């Protein structure tokens, strides 16, 4: 009996140590406290960040059309994935949204995937791309968001089954897949560097155009090589040079107008992307095209 109690006590101790270790390594990791200390936000500059980041595509209300409606960030759109359905939250400047958020709160949400309450966000929110954003752009975006119309629409819960409903597990997922380094590192020209920033960071293009592994991590060995649509309907096309033979001018024109060189037009979610990017200067669209033309061939 005494031996049994000793074994039981040892197992309990090991369990407690293991649980404490799990709790420590999966803790939310936030930005340094001084990340935004010396920065002030510019709402006008933040508008460009807003459109480049595609905020309206997810956070505008379902069915919103035109810039006036799409700038009311009431949330409510549902995004179906193999892990469950995620509902975009209200991020308008109201108590139902993010009125009480500081620029640090927004920075930690976008660049670390951590809520003001210290919880992990699901990577359906593309912080895995936004992590590469410049802090000044986050400060400018924060200033712009405060100027937008308020909405009191309440947030709706995600529909996610066990075990994905345990947010703490996302700490382990981040350890495996959350990196803020650039994917394409061989960049010399300034225009390609700017394009990389818009594509790999703010534009979060890889979130749709790069395939994922079984637990949702991006397969960076097949960067921009196309992927199944998250809702299970169809496929998002590859946009590497070997798969997309458009010229840089064709790509830039498509991002501005939505028309392909074959006179077809963008549809589905890509139509929203074009609507966002059409607000950017043509020079930015040209840098996106320049970046896409130097991507390695898809494996």
C-alpha atoms as a PDB file:
ATOM      1  CA  UNK A   1       0.000   0.000   0.000  1.00  0.00           C
ATOM      2  CA  UNK A   2       2.807   2.384   0.894  1.00  0.00           C
ATOM      3  CA  UNK A   3       4.504   1.673  -2.438  1.00  0.00           C
ATOM      4  CA  UNK A   4       1.285   2.402  -4.319  1.00  0.00           C
ATOM      5  CA  UNK A   5       0.885   5.742  -2.574  1.00  0.00           C
ATOM      6  CA  UNK A   6       4.464   6.677  -3.442  1.00  0.00           C
ATOM      7  CA  UNK A   7       3.861   5.892  -7.132  1.00  0.00           C
ATOM      8  CA  UNK A   8       0.590   7.834  -7.076  1.00  0.00           C
ATOM      9  CA  UNK A   9       2.265  10.830  -5.464  1.00  0.00           C
ATOM     10  CA  UNK A  10       5.065  10.702  -8.051  1.00  0.00           C
ATOM     11  CA  UNK A  11       2.545  10.600 -10.893  1.00  0.00           C
ATOM     12  CA  UNK A  12       0.692  13.569  -9.436  1.00  0.00           C
ATOM     13  CA  UNK A  13       3.934  15.538  -9.137  1.00  0.00           C
ATOM     14  CA  UNK A  14       4.898  14.703 -12.718  1.00  0.00           C
ATOM     15  CA  UNK A  15       1.422  15.705 -13.879  1.00  0.00           C
ATOM     16  CA  UNK A  16       1.580  19.039 -12.057  1.00  0.00           C
ATOM     17  CA  UNK A  17       5.041  19.772 -13.463  1.00  0.00           C
ATOM     18  CA  UNK A  18       3.886  18.826 -16.957  1.00  0.00           C
ATOM     19  CA  UNK A  19       0.799  21.027 -16.695  1.00  0.00           C
ATOM     20  CA  UNK A  20       2.877  23.936 -15.401  1.00  0.00           C
ATOM     21  CA  UNK A  21       5.341  23.484 -18.272  1.00  0.00           C
ATOM     22  CA  UNK A  22       2.527  23.375 -20.810  1.00  0.00           C
ATOM     23  CA  UNK A  23       0.984  26.516 -19.303  1.00  0.00           C
ATOM     24  CA  UNK A  24       4.326  28.312 -19.464  1.00  0.00           C
ATOM     25  CA  UNK A  25       5.296  27.447 -23.055  1.00  0.00           C
ATOM     26  CA  UNK A  26       1.811  28.185 -24.413  1.00  0.00           C
ATOM     27  CA  UNK A  27       1.469  31.578 -22.721  1.00  0.00           C
ATOM     28  CA  UNK A  28       0.557  34.506 -25.016  1.00  0.00           C
ATOM     29  CA  UNK A  29       3.635  36.450 -26.120  1.00  0.00           C
ATOM     30  CA  UNK A  30       3.138  40.197 -26.509  1.00  0.00           C
ATOM     31  CA  UNK A  31       5.177  42.975 -28.087  1.00  0.00           C
ATOM     32  CA  UNK A  32       7.775  44.908 -26.060  1.00  0.00           C
ATOM     33  CA  UNK A  33       6.103  47.632 -24.017  1.00  0.00           C
ATOM     34  CA  UNK A  34       7.930  50.412 -25.852  1.00  0.00           C
ATOM     35  CA  UNK A  35       7.019  49.306 -29.400  1.00  0.00           C
ATOM     36  CA  UNK A  36       4.719  52.280 -29.999  1.00  0.00           C
ATOM     37  CA  UNK A  37       6.006  54.719 -27.377  1.00  0.00           C
ATOM     38  CA  UNK A  38       7.689  57.119 -29.815  1.00  0.00           C
ATOM     39  CA  UNK A  39       5.050  56.829 -32.552  1.00  0.00           C
ATOM     40  CA  UNK A  40       1.994  58.935 -33.319  1.00  0.00           C
ATOM     41  CA  UNK A  41      -0.684  57.763 -35.703  1.00  0.00           C
ATOM     42  CA  UNK A  42      -1.647  59.534 -38.928  1.00  0.00           C
ATOM     43  CA  UNK A  43      -5.227  58.712 -39.947  1.00  0.00           C
ATOM     44  CA  UNK A  44      -4.656  59.688 -43.577  1.00  0.00           C
ATOM     45  CA  UNK A  45      -1.711  57.314 -43.872  1.00  0.00           C
ATOM     46  CA  UNK A  46      -3.715  54.728 -41.947  1.00  0.00           C
ATOM     47  CA  UNK A  47      -6.385  54.661 -44.636  1.00  0.00           C
ATOM     48  CA  UNK A  48      -3.856  53.236 -47.108  1.00  0.00           C
ATOM     49  CA  UNK A  49      -2.851  50.609 -44.528  1.00  0.00           C
ATOM     50  CA  UNK A  50      -6.545  49.785 -44.041  1.00  0.00           C
ATOM     51  CA  UNK A  51      -7.113  49.078 -47.721  1.00  0.00           C
ATOM     52  CA  UNK A  52      -3.827  47.237 -48.168  1.00  0.00           C
ATOM     53  CA  UNK A  53      -4.687  45.040 -45.172  1.00  0.00           C
ATOM     54  CA  UNK A  54      -8.118  44.120 -46.517  1.00  0.00           C
ATOM     55  CA  UNK A  55      -9.850  44.949 -43.236  1.00  0.00           C
ATOM     56  CA  UNK A  56     -13.230  45.640 -44.832  1.00  0.00           C
ATOM     57  CA  UNK A  57     -13.287  42.305 -46.661  1.00  0.00           C
ATOM     58  CA  UNK A  58     -13.692  40.436 -43.375  1.00  0.00           C
ATOM     59  CA  UNK A  59     -15.085  42.973 -40.911  1.00  0.00           C
ATOM     60  CA  UNK A  60     -17.761  44.730 -42.956  1.00  0.00           C
ATOM     61  CA  UNK A  61     -21.266  43.365 -42.407  1.00  0.00           C
ATOM     62  CA  UNK A  62     -22.442  40.549 -44.682  1.00  0.00           C
ATOM     63  CA  UNK A  63     -23.697  41.956 -47.969  1.00  0.00           C
ATOM     64  CA  UNK A  64     -22.139  45.393 -47.506  1.00  0.00           C
ATOM     65  CA  UNK A  65     -21.483  47.100 -50.835  1.00  0.00           C
ATOM     66  CA  UNK A  66     -19.636  50.249 -51.756  1.00  0.00           C
ATOM     67  CA  UNK A  67     -17.079  52.041 -49.633  1.00  0.00           C
ATOM     68  CA  UNK A  68     -19.649  53.785 -47.441  1.00  0.00           C
ATOM     69  CA  UNK A  69     -21.195  50.524 -46.258  1.00  0.00           C
ATOM     70  CA  UNK A  70     -17.882  48.651 -46.133  1.00  0.00           C
ATOM     71  CA  UNK A  71     -16.398  51.211 -43.766  1.00  0.00           C
ATOM     72  CA  UNK A  72     -18.950  50.232 -41.110  1.00  0.00           C
ATOM     73  CA  UNK A  73     -16.940  47.417 -39.549  1.00  0.00           C
ATOM     74  CA  UNK A  74     -19.813  45.705 -37.764  1.00  0.00           C
ATOM     75  CA  UNK A  75     -18.468  42.178 -38.325  1.00  0.00           C
ATOM     76  CA  UNK A  76     -20.708  39.145 -38.646  1.00  0.00           C
ATOM     77  CA  UNK A  77     -19.308  37.457 -41.736  1.00  0.00           C
ATOM     78  CA  UNK A  78     -18.833  33.713 -41.292  1.00  0.00           C
ATOM     79  CA  UNK A  79     -15.817  31.864 -42.664  1.00  0.00           C
ATOM     80  CA  UNK A  80     -16.089  28.088 -42.928  1.00  0.00           C
ATOM     81  CA  UNK A  81     -12.952  25.954 -42.525  1.00  0.00           C
ATOM     82  CA  UNK A  82     -12.197  22.327 -41.800  1.00  0.00           C
ATOM     83  CA  UNK A  83     -11.644  23.292 -38.152  1.00  0.00           C
ATOM     84  CA  UNK A  84     -15.008  25.008 -37.729  1.00  0.00           C
ATOM     85  CA  UNK A  85     -16.680  28.284 -38.631  1.00  0.00           C
ATOM     86  CA  UNK A  86     -15.199  31.606 -37.572  1.00  0.00           C
ATOM     87  CA  UNK A  87     -17.228  34.809 -37.282  1.00  0.00           C
ATOM     88  CA  UNK A  88     -15.492  38.145 -37.872  1.00  0.00           C
ATOM     89  CA  UNK A  89     -15.910  40.506 -34.908  1.00  0.00           C
ATOM     90  CA  UNK A  90     -17.061  44.099 -34.759  1.00  0.00           C
ATOM     91  CA  UNK A  91     -13.981  46.359 -34.942  1.00  0.00           C
ATOM     92  CA  UNK A  92     -15.769  49.693 -35.212  1.00  0.00           C
ATOM     93  CA  UNK A  93     -14.983  52.460 -32.668  1.00  0.00           C
ATOM     94  CA  UNK A  94     -17.731  51.583 -30.208  1.00  0.00           C
ATOM     95  CA  UNK A  95     -17.987  49.594 -26.985  1.00  0.00           C
ATOM     96  CA  UNK A  96     -19.266  46.652 -29.002  1.00  0.00           C
ATOM     97  CA  UNK A  97     -16.112  46.919 -31.097  1.00  0.00           C
ATOM     98  CA  UNK A  98     -12.650  48.246 -30.266  1.00  0.00           C
ATOM     99  CA  UNK A  99     -13.371  51.723 -28.881  1.00  0.00           C
ATOM    100  CA  UNK A 100     -11.355  51.013 -25.759  1.00  0.00           C
ATOM    101  CA  UNK A 101      -8.340  49.575 -27.548  1.00  0.00           C
ATOM    102  CA  UNK A 102      -4.995  51.338 -27.344  1.00  0.00           C
ATOM    103  CA  UNK A 103      -2.491  51.199 -30.192  1.00  0.00           C
ATOM    104  CA  UNK A 104      -0.653  48.566 -28.113  1.00  0.00           C
ATOM    105  CA  UNK A 105      -3.821  46.459 -28.024  1.00  0.00           C
ATOM    106  CA  UNK A 106      -4.160  46.677 -31.797  1.00  0.00           C
ATOM    107  CA  UNK A 107      -0.472  45.929 -32.272  1.00  0.00           C
ATOM    108  CA  UNK A 108      -0.587  42.842 -30.068  1.00  0.00           C
ATOM    109  CA  UNK A 109      -3.712  41.613 -31.846  1.00  0.00           C
ATOM    110  CA  UNK A 110      -2.299  42.081 -35.343  1.00  0.00           C
ATOM    111  CA  UNK A 111       1.377  41.273 -34.769  1.00  0.00           C
ATOM    112  CA  UNK A 112       1.189  38.656 -32.012  1.00  0.00           C
ATOM    113  CA  UNK A 113      -2.335  37.241 -32.223  1.00  0.00           C
ATOM    114  CA  UNK A 114      -3.104  38.169 -28.612  1.00  0.00           C
ATOM    115  CA  UNK A 115      -6.277  39.863 -27.400  1.00  0.00           C
ATOM    116  CA  UNK A 116      -6.367  42.750 -24.888  1.00  0.00           C
ATOM    117  CA  UNK A 117      -7.584  40.165 -22.352  1.00  0.00           C
ATOM    118  CA  UNK A 118      -4.466  38.058 -22.954  1.00  0.00           C
ATOM    119  CA  UNK A 119      -6.034  35.251 -24.994  1.00  0.00           C
ATOM    120  CA  UNK A 120      -4.717  33.732 -28.198  1.00  0.00           C
ATOM    121  CA  UNK A 121      -6.568  34.618 -31.380  1.00  0.00           C
ATOM    122  CA  UNK A 122      -7.281  31.915 -33.934  1.00  0.00           C
ATOM    123  CA  UNK A 123      -5.124  32.216 -37.070  1.00  0.00           C
ATOM    124  CA  UNK A 124      -8.256  32.730 -39.155  1.00  0.00           C
ATOM    125  CA  UNK A 125      -7.278  36.296 -38.227  1.00  0.00           C
ATOM    126  CA  UNK A 126      -4.103  36.583 -40.357  1.00  0.00           C
ATOM    127  CA  UNK A 127      -1.701  37.765 -37.673  1.00  0.00           C
ATOM    128  CA  UNK A 128       0.783  35.247 -39.070  1.00  0.00           C
ATOM    129  CA  UNK A 129       1.178  37.744 -41.935  1.00  0.00           C
ATOM    130  CA  UNK A 130       0.521  40.981 -40.054  1.00  0.00           C
ATOM    131  CA  UNK A 131       3.375  40.046 -37.690  1.00  0.00           C
ATOM    132  CA  UNK A 132       5.730  41.496 -40.326  1.00  0.00           C
ATOM    133  CA  UNK A 133       3.989  44.884 -40.319  1.00  0.00           C
ATOM    134  CA  UNK A 134       5.874  48.072 -39.499  1.00  0.00           C
ATOM    135  CA  UNK A 135       4.818  49.476 -36.094  1.00  0.00           C
ATOM    136  CA  UNK A 136       4.255  52.884 -37.710  1.00  0.00           C
ATOM    137  CA  UNK A 137       1.683  51.342 -40.040  1.00  0.00           C
ATOM    138  CA  UNK A 138      -0.133  49.846 -37.051  1.00  0.00           C
ATOM    139  CA  UNK A 139      -0.143  53.228 -35.309  1.00  0.00           C
ATOM    140  CA  UNK A 140      -1.510  54.891 -38.460  1.00  0.00           C
ATOM    141  CA  UNK A 141      -4.176  52.208 -38.871  1.00  0.00           C
ATOM    142  CA  UNK A 142      -5.239  52.657 -35.246  1.00  0.00           C
ATOM    143  CA  UNK A 143      -5.715  56.387 -35.881  1.00  0.00           C
ATOM    144  CA  UNK A 144      -7.777  55.713 -39.013  1.00  0.00           C
ATOM    145  CA  UNK A 145     -10.034  53.134 -37.340  1.00  0.00           C
ATOM    146  CA  UNK A 146     -11.042  55.725 -34.756  1.00  0.00           C
ATOM    147  CA  UNK A 147     -12.495  57.903 -37.537  1.00  0.00           C
ATOM    148  CA  UNK A 148     -14.858  55.251 -38.918  1.00  0.00           C
ATOM    149  CA  UNK A 149     -18.612  54.942 -38.240  1.00  0.00           C
ATOM    150  CA  UNK A 150     -19.630  53.176 -35.046  1.00  0.00           C
ATOM    151  CA  UNK A 151     -21.772  50.052 -34.936  1.00  0.00           C
ATOM    152  CA  UNK A 152     -23.362  48.491 -31.851  1.00  0.00           C
ATOM    153  CA  UNK A 153     -23.788  45.036 -33.420  1.00  0.00           C
ATOM    154  CA  UNK A 154     -22.781  42.414 -30.861  1.00  0.00           C
ATOM    155  CA  UNK A 155     -20.084  39.877 -31.672  1.00  0.00           C
ATOM    156  CA  UNK A 156     -21.138  36.315 -32.362  1.00  0.00           C
ATOM    157  CA  UNK A 157     -19.239  33.246 -31.084  1.00  0.00           C
ATOM    158  CA  UNK A 158     -17.220  30.986 -33.340  1.00  0.00           C
ATOM    159  CA  UNK A 159     -18.569  27.495 -34.009  1.00  0.00           C
ATOM    160  CA  UNK A 160     -15.544  25.314 -33.304  1.00  0.00           C
ATOM    161  CA  UNK A 161     -15.466  21.771 -31.992  1.00  0.00           C
ATOM    162  CA  UNK A 162     -13.202  20.181 -29.396  1.00  0.00           C
ATOM    163  CA  UNK A 163     -10.186  20.256 -29.109  1.00  0.00           C
ATOM    164  CA  UNK A 164      -9.827  23.340 -31.333  1.00  0.00           C
ATOM    165  CA  UNK A 165     -12.102  25.233 -28.958  1.00  0.00           C
ATOM    166  CA  UNK A 166      -9.296  25.213 -26.344  1.00  0.00           C
ATOM    167  CA  UNK A 167      -7.535  28.475 -27.117  1.00  0.00           C
ATOM    168  CA  UNK A 168      -4.530  27.684 -24.960  1.00  0.00           C
ATOM    169  CA  UNK A 169      -3.529  25.013 -27.486  1.00  0.00           C
ATOM    170  CA  UNK A 170      -2.873  27.823 -29.948  1.00  0.00           C
ATOM    171  CA  UNK A 171       0.252  28.611 -27.947  1.00  0.00           C
ATOM    172  CA  UNK A 172       1.649  25.277 -29.109  1.00  0.00           C
ATOM    173  CA  UNK A 173       0.496  25.958 -32.676  1.00  0.00           C
ATOM    174  CA  UNK A 174       2.315  29.289 -32.620  1.00  0.00           C
ATOM    175  CA  UNK A 175       5.512  27.613 -31.432  1.00  0.00           C
ATOM    176  CA  UNK A 176       5.389  25.418 -34.524  1.00  0.00           C
ATOM    177  CA  UNK A 177       4.261  27.827 -37.230  1.00  0.00           C
ATOM    178  CA  UNK A 178       4.297  31.451 -36.114  1.00  0.00           C
ATOM    179  CA  UNK A 179       7.322  33.277 -37.549  1.00  0.00           C
ATOM    180  CA  UNK A 180       7.806  36.915 -38.493  1.00  0.00           C
ATOM    181  CA  UNK A 181      10.774  36.515 -40.853  1.00  0.00           C
ATOM    182  CA  UNK A 182      10.418  37.087 -44.595  1.00  0.00           C
ATOM    183  CA  UNK A 183       9.740  34.071 -46.781  1.00  0.00           C
ATOM    184  CA  UNK A 184      11.404  35.439 -49.914  1.00  0.00           C
ATOM    185  CA  UNK A 185      14.790  36.654 -48.703  1.00  0.00           C
ATOM    186  CA  UNK A 186      16.671  37.303 -51.949  1.00  0.00           C
ATOM    187  CA  UNK A 187      15.322  40.798 -52.570  1.00  0.00           C
ATOM    188  CA  UNK A 188      17.620  43.500 -53.919  1.00  0.00           C
ATOM    189  CA  UNK A 189      15.481  46.048 -55.769  1.00  0.00           C
ATOM    190  CA  UNK A 190      13.503  48.597 -53.744  1.00  0.00           C
ATOM    191  CA  UNK A 191      10.302  47.975 -55.699  1.00  0.00           C
ATOM    192  CA  UNK A 192      10.462  44.257 -55.017  1.00  0.00           C
ATOM    193  CA  UNK A 193      11.086  44.923 -51.319  1.00  0.00           C
ATOM    194  CA  UNK A 194       8.007  47.145 -51.143  1.00  0.00           C
ATOM    195  CA  UNK A 195       6.004  44.517 -53.006  1.00  0.00           C
ATOM    196  CA  UNK A 196       7.185  41.845 -50.600  1.00  0.00           C
ATOM    197  CA  UNK A 197       5.995  43.962 -47.690  1.00  0.00           C
ATOM    198  CA  UNK A 198       2.554  44.418 -49.233  1.00  0.00           C
ATOM    199  CA  UNK A 199       2.190  40.756 -50.213  1.00  0.00           C
ATOM    200  CA  UNK A 200       3.795  38.921 -47.290  1.00  0.00           C
ATOM    201  CA  UNK A 201       2.583  41.315 -44.596  1.00  0.00           C
ATOM    202  CA  UNK A 202      -0.340  43.707 -45.035  1.00  0.00           C
ATOM    203  CA  UNK A 203      -1.926  42.006 -48.040  1.00  0.00           C
ATOM    204  CA  UNK A 204      -1.601  38.528 -46.409  1.00  0.00           C
ATOM    205  CA  UNK A 205      -1.868  36.934 -49.860  1.00  0.00           C
ATOM    206  CA  UNK A 206      -0.297  33.673 -48.695  1.00  0.00           C
ATOM    207  CA  UNK A 207      -3.188  33.009 -46.335  1.00  0.00           C
ATOM    208  CA  UNK A 208      -5.250  31.931 -49.337  1.00  0.00           C
ATOM    209  CA  UNK A 209      -2.695  31.209 -52.077  1.00  0.00           C
ATOM    210  CA  UNK A 210      -0.358  28.904 -50.086  1.00  0.00           C
ATOM    211  CA  UNK A 211      -1.370  25.357 -49.097  1.00  0.00           C
ATOM    212  CA  UNK A 212      -1.502  24.304 -45.448  1.00  0.00           C
ATOM    213  CA  UNK A 213      -0.595  21.182 -43.566  1.00  0.00           C
ATOM    214  CA  UNK A 214      -2.983  19.018 -41.567  1.00  0.00           C
ATOM    215  CA  UNK A 215      -3.121  21.398 -38.592  1.00  0.00           C
ATOM    216  CA  UNK A 216      -3.320  24.646 -40.497  1.00  0.00           C
ATOM    217  CA  UNK A 217       0.312  25.724 -40.798  1.00  0.00           C
ATOM    218  CA  UNK A 218       1.376  27.291 -44.096  1.00  0.00           C
ATOM    219  CA  UNK A 219       3.539  25.034 -46.281  1.00  0.00           C
ATOM    220  CA  UNK A 220       6.208  27.612 -47.087  1.00  0.00           C
ATOM    221  CA  UNK A 221       7.974  25.150 -49.380  1.00  0.00           C
ATOM    222  CA  UNK A 222       5.044  25.673 -51.752  1.00  0.00           C
ATOM    223  CA  UNK A 223       4.776  29.426 -51.308  1.00  0.00           C
ATOM    224  CA  UNK A 224       1.933  30.894 -53.405  1.00  0.00           C
ATOM    225  CA  UNK A 225       1.524  27.554 -55.206  1.00  0.00           C
ATOM    226  CA  UNK A 226      -2.261  27.489 -54.882  1.00  0.00           C
ATOM    227  CA  UNK A 227      -4.411  25.800 -52.280  1.00  0.00           C
ATOM    228  CA  UNK A 228      -7.837  24.294 -51.691  1.00  0.00           C
ATOM    229  CA  UNK A 229     -10.422  26.918 -50.828  1.00  0.00           C
ATOM    230  CA  UNK A 230     -10.966  26.978 -47.035  1.00  0.00           C
ATOM    231  CA  UNK A 231     -14.687  26.343 -47.487  1.00  0.00           C
ATOM    232  CA  UNK A 232     -13.946  23.180 -49.466  1.00  0.00           C
ATOM    233  CA  UNK A 233     -15.341  24.588 -52.711  1.00  0.00           C
ATOM    234  CA  UNK A 234     -12.817  24.805 -55.508  1.00  0.00           C
ATOM    235  CA  UNK A 235      -9.197  25.916 -55.407  1.00  0.00           C
ATOM    236  CA  UNK A 236      -7.325  29.157 -54.963  1.00  0.00           C
ATOM    237  CA  UNK A 237      -4.942  29.413 -57.953  1.00  0.00           C
ATOM    238  CA  UNK A 238      -1.167  29.417 -57.917  1.00  0.00           C
ATOM    239  CA  UNK A 239       0.373  32.829 -58.599  1.00  0.00           C
ATOM    240  CA  UNK A 240       4.030  31.864 -59.031  1.00  0.00           C
ATOM    241  CA  UNK A 241       5.606  32.854 -62.386  1.00  0.00           C
ATOM    242  CA  UNK A 242       5.564  29.285 -63.715  1.00  0.00           C
ATOM    243  CA  UNK A 243       1.815  29.072 -63.086  1.00  0.00           C
ATOM    244  CA  UNK A 244       0.788  32.630 -63.961  1.00  0.00           C
ATOM    245  CA  UNK A 245       2.279  33.805 -67.254  1.00  0.00           C
ATOM    246  CA  UNK A 246       0.915  37.352 -67.091  1.00  0.00           C
ATOM    247  CA  UNK A 247       3.345  40.237 -67.452  1.00  0.00           C
ATOM    248  CA  UNK A 248       4.004  42.529 -64.511  1.00  0.00           C
ATOM    249  CA  UNK A 249       1.863  45.141 -66.250  1.00  0.00           C
ATOM    250  CA  UNK A 250      -0.991  42.647 -66.625  1.00  0.00           C
ATOM    251  CA  UNK A 251      -0.847  41.820 -62.912  1.00  0.00           C
ATOM    252  CA  UNK A 252      -0.839  45.458 -61.842  1.00  0.00           C
ATOM    253  CA  UNK A 253      -3.757  46.243 -64.158  1.00  0.00           C
ATOM    254  CA  UNK A 254      -5.731  43.275 -62.807  1.00  0.00           C
ATOM    255  CA  UNK A 255      -5.214  44.415 -59.228  1.00  0.00           C
ATOM    256  CA  UNK A 256      -6.440  47.886 -60.161  1.00  0.00           C
ATOM    257  CA  UNK A 257      -9.402  47.018 -62.397  1.00  0.00           C
ATOM    258  CA  UNK A 258     -10.242  43.369 -61.813  1.00  0.00           C
ATOM    259  CA  UNK A 259      -9.915  42.568 -65.512  1.00  0.00           C
ATOM    260  CA  UNK A 260      -7.606  39.796 -66.728  1.00  0.00           C
ATOM    261  CA  UNK A 261      -5.588  39.997 -69.955  1.00  0.00           C
ATOM    262  CA  UNK A 262      -8.253  37.711 -71.453  1.00  0.00           C
ATOM    263  CA  UNK A 263     -10.960  40.266 -70.553  1.00  0.00           C
ATOM    264  CA  UNK A 264     -12.408  38.080 -67.839  1.00  0.00           C
ATOM    265  CA  UNK A 265     -13.128  39.671 -64.463  1.00  0.00           C
ATOM    266  CA  UNK A 266     -12.259  38.852 -60.868  1.00  0.00           C
ATOM    267  CA  UNK A 267     -14.936  37.018 -58.927  1.00  0.00           C
ATOM    268  CA  UNK A 268     -15.620  35.743 -55.435  1.00  0.00           C
ATOM    269  CA  UNK A 269     -13.264  36.882 -52.691  1.00  0.00           C
ATOM    270  CA  UNK A 270     -10.761  38.168 -55.246  1.00  0.00           C
ATOM    271  CA  UNK A 271     -13.291  40.807 -56.292  1.00  0.00           C
ATOM    272  CA  UNK A 272     -13.123  42.136 -52.720  1.00  0.00           C
ATOM    273  CA  UNK A 273      -9.336  42.129 -52.857  1.00  0.00           C
ATOM    274  CA  UNK A 274      -9.380  44.189 -56.058  1.00  0.00           C
ATOM    275  CA  UNK A 275     -11.881  46.588 -54.506  1.00  0.00           C
ATOM    276  CA  UNK A 276      -9.446  47.112 -51.639  1.00  0.00           C
ATOM    277  CA  UNK A 277      -6.261  47.369 -53.692  1.00  0.00           C
ATOM    278  CA  UNK A 278      -7.806  49.792 -56.164  1.00  0.00           C
ATOM    279  CA  UNK A 279      -7.488  52.416 -53.400  1.00  0.00           C
ATOM    280  CA  UNK A 280      -3.694  52.104 -53.419  1.00  0.00           C
ATOM    281  CA  UNK A 281      -1.451  54.130 -55.703  1.00  0.00           C
ATOM    282  CA  UNK A 282      -0.583  52.452 -58.985  1.00  0.00           C
ATOM    283  CA  UNK A 283       3.051  52.372 -57.912  1.00  0.00           C
ATOM    284  CA  UNK A 284       2.149  50.014 -55.044  1.00  0.00           C
ATOM    285  CA  UNK A 285       0.329  47.667 -57.396  1.00  0.00           C
ATOM    286  CA  UNK A 286       3.377  47.657 -59.646  1.00  0.00           C
ATOM    287  CA  UNK A 287       5.578  46.661 -56.706  1.00  0.00           C
ATOM    288  CA  UNK A 288       3.235  43.779 -55.902  1.00  0.00           C
ATOM    289  CA  UNK A 289       3.578  42.621 -59.503  1.00  0.00           C
ATOM    290  CA  UNK A 290       7.367  42.974 -59.332  1.00  0.00           C
ATOM    291  CA  UNK A 291       7.448  40.767 -56.240  1.00  0.00           C
ATOM    292  CA  UNK A 292       5.247  38.082 -57.771  1.00  0.00           C
ATOM    293  CA  UNK A 293       7.473  37.914 -60.839  1.00  0.00           C
ATOM    294  CA  UNK A 294      10.532  36.954 -58.757  1.00  0.00           C
ATOM    295  CA  UNK A 295       8.854  34.195 -56.751  1.00  0.00           C
ATOM    296  CA  UNK A 296      10.479  30.765 -57.030  1.00  0.00           C
ATOM    297  CA  UNK A 297       8.654  28.171 -59.080  1.00  0.00           C
ATOM    298  CA  UNK A 298       6.089  26.131 -57.170  1.00  0.00           C
ATOM    299  CA  UNK A 299       7.270  22.680 -56.180  1.00  0.00           C
END
